[in-house]
Amino acid sequence: MSKKGRIRVLLAKPGLDGHDRGVKVVALALRNAGMEVIYLGRHKSPKEIVEAAIQEDVDFIGLSNLSGSYKELFPRVVRLLKKNNLEHIKVIGGGIIVDGDIPGLERMHIKVFPVGSRTEDIVQFIHSNV
């Protein structure tokens, strides 16, 4: 947990995916659960996401992708975190994720919440993994 006592979560839409309704619903649920949420918005690069995570001193990064580019973009975020010795920042990913890709993402320490996941489950996972 951050020095401020509240769980801090950075949410972002990497790549060119412009659909952000789902990530905004998740942001509201996290805020309602007492977390501090920083939403970077759409069209962010993995580098921009990690730089913001450093600047904002977050506990979690939440990535949302509906365009299929998650297979390249989500792991890039994890690699940049490792490169910067920031493995303590946990990564969750959501959106349209092919079932067969979930085990590989989770082996990279990306907890996956596909479209249709309950916001309560996301909140519970974050609370359980701070």
Protein backbone atom coordinates (compact mmCIF):
# COMPACT_ATOMS: atom_id res chain seq x y z
CA MET A 1 0.00 0.00 0.00
CA SER A 2 1.25 3.46 -0.77
CA LYS A 3 2.74 5.69 1.90
CA LYS A 4 -0.52 7.61 1.97
CA GLY A 5 -2.46 4.60 3.26
CA ARG A 6 -4.86 4.27 0.32
CA ILE A 7 -4.44 1.76 -2.46
CA ARG A 8 -3.39 3.62 -5.60
CA VAL A 9 -4.35 2.20 -9.00
CA LEU A 10 -3.32 3.58 -12.37
CA LEU A 11 -5.68 2.66 -15.23
CA ALA A 12 -4.80 3.06 -18.89
CA LYS A 13 -5.74 2.00 -22.40
CA PRO A 14 -2.54 1.02 -24.22
CA GLY A 15 -2.37 1.07 -27.98
CA LEU A 16 -4.91 2.37 -30.43
CA ASP A 17 -8.04 0.95 -28.79
CA GLY A 18 -10.44 3.85 -28.28
CA HIS A 19 -13.29 2.13 -26.42
CA ASP A 20 -13.10 3.18 -22.78
CA ARG A 21 -16.52 2.62 -21.26
CA GLY A 22 -15.44 -0.56 -19.44
CA VAL A 23 -12.33 0.94 -17.89
CA LYS A 24 -14.40 3.90 -16.67
CA VAL A 25 -16.83 1.49 -14.98
CA VAL A 26 -13.88 -0.21 -13.28
CA ALA A 27 -12.47 3.18 -12.21
CA LEU A 28 -15.77 4.09 -10.55
CA ALA A 29 -15.96 0.74 -8.75
CA LEU A 30 -12.41 1.12 -7.44
CA ARG A 31 -13.09 4.67 -6.26
CA ASN A 32 -16.29 3.52 -4.55
CA ALA A 33 -14.19 0.87 -2.78
CA GLY A 34 -11.96 3.61 -1.34
CA MET A 35 -9.05 3.36 -3.73
CA GLU A 36 -7.31 6.28 -5.35
CA VAL A 37 -7.58 5.95 -9.13
CA ILE A 38 -5.47 7.69 -11.73
CA TYR A 39 -6.92 7.24 -15.22
CA LEU A 40 -4.41 8.07 -17.95
CA GLY A 41 -6.88 7.69 -20.76
CA ARG A 42 -6.62 6.13 -24.18
CA HIS A 43 -3.78 5.61 -26.64
CA LYS A 44 -0.96 5.34 -24.09
CA SER A 45 2.32 3.59 -24.78
CA PRO A 46 3.74 1.07 -22.30
CA LYS A 47 6.54 3.55 -21.59
CA GLU A 48 4.06 6.34 -20.77
CA ILE A 49 2.14 3.98 -18.50
CA VAL A 50 5.21 2.89 -16.54
CA GLU A 51 6.52 6.45 -16.26
CA ALA A 52 3.15 7.55 -14.85
CA ALA A 53 3.12 4.60 -12.44
CA ILE A 54 6.50 5.72 -11.11
CA GLN A 55 5.45 9.35 -10.83
CA GLU A 56 2.15 8.48 -9.13
CA ASP A 57 3.65 5.85 -6.75
CA VAL A 58 0.95 3.30 -7.54
CA ASP A 59 0.35 -0.17 -6.15
CA PHE A 60 -1.41 -1.53 -9.25
CA ILE A 61 -1.59 -0.89 -12.97
CA GLY A 62 -4.83 -1.81 -14.69
CA LEU A 63 -4.70 -2.19 -18.47
CA SER A 64 -7.72 -2.41 -20.74
CA ASN A 65 -7.68 -3.55 -24.34
CA LEU A 66 -10.43 -4.55 -26.73
CA SER A 67 -8.43 -4.62 -29.95
CA GLY A 68 -6.32 -7.76 -29.55
CA SER A 69 -3.00 -5.96 -29.13
CA TYR A 70 -2.88 -7.00 -25.46
CA LYS A 71 -0.56 -9.88 -26.39
CA GLU A 72 2.19 -7.38 -27.20
CA LEU A 73 1.31 -4.38 -25.03
CA PHE A 74 0.56 -5.96 -21.64
CA PRO A 75 3.87 -7.91 -21.54
CA ARG A 76 5.78 -4.75 -22.57
CA VAL A 77 4.44 -3.00 -19.47
CA VAL A 78 5.60 -5.91 -17.30
CA ARG A 79 9.05 -5.93 -18.93
CA LEU A 80 9.43 -2.18 -18.34
CA LEU A 81 8.43 -2.61 -14.70
CA LYS A 82 11.08 -5.32 -14.29
CA LYS A 83 13.68 -3.21 -16.09
CA ASN A 84 13.01 -0.42 -13.57
CA ASN A 85 13.01 -2.79 -10.55
CA LEU A 86 9.30 -2.18 -10.00
CA GLU A 87 8.05 -5.76 -9.72
CA HIS A 88 6.16 -4.73 -6.56
CA ILE A 89 3.65 -2.93 -8.80
CA LYS A 90 1.07 -5.53 -9.73
CA VAL A 91 -0.61 -5.59 -13.14
CA ILE A 92 -4.19 -6.50 -13.98
CA GLY A 93 -5.54 -6.62 -17.49
CA GLY A 94 -9.02 -6.64 -18.88
CA GLY A 95 -10.98 -6.47 -22.07
CA ILE A 96 -11.50 -8.91 -24.88
CA ILE A 97 -8.90 -11.53 -24.01
CA VAL A 98 -8.89 -14.87 -25.82
CA ASP A 99 -9.34 -17.68 -23.27
CA GLY A 100 -6.27 -19.49 -24.58
CA ASP A 101 -4.09 -16.43 -23.95
CA ILE A 102 -5.03 -16.05 -20.28
CA PRO A 103 -2.63 -18.67 -18.86
CA GLY A 104 0.34 -17.11 -20.68
CA LEU A 105 -0.52 -13.63 -19.43
CA GLU A 106 -0.98 -14.92 -15.90
CA ARG A 107 2.43 -16.65 -16.04
CA MET A 108 3.79 -13.14 -16.69
CA HIS A 109 2.06 -12.03 -13.45
CA ILE A 110 -0.80 -10.25 -15.20
CA LYS A 111 -4.11 -11.09 -13.53
CA VAL A 112 -6.75 -11.17 -16.26
CA PHE A 113 -10.35 -9.99 -15.95
CA PRO A 114 -12.02 -10.58 -19.33
CA VAL A 115 -15.10 -8.69 -20.53
CA GLY A 116 -18.00 -9.64 -18.29
CA SER A 117 -15.95 -9.90 -15.10
CA ARG A 118 -17.64 -8.56 -12.00
CA THR A 119 -16.22 -5.33 -10.63
CA GLU A 120 -16.57 -6.86 -7.14
CA ASP A 121 -14.08 -9.55 -8.18
CA ILE A 122 -11.58 -6.92 -9.35
CA VAL A 123 -11.94 -4.98 -6.09
CA GLN A 124 -11.53 -8.17 -4.04
CA PHE A 125 -8.43 -9.22 -6.00
CA ILE A 126 -6.77 -5.85 -5.44
CA HIS A 127 -7.61 -5.81 -1.72
CA SER A 128 -6.27 -9.35 -1.36
CA ASN A 129 -3.02 -8.62 -3.20
CA VAL A 130 -1.81 -5.30 -1.82
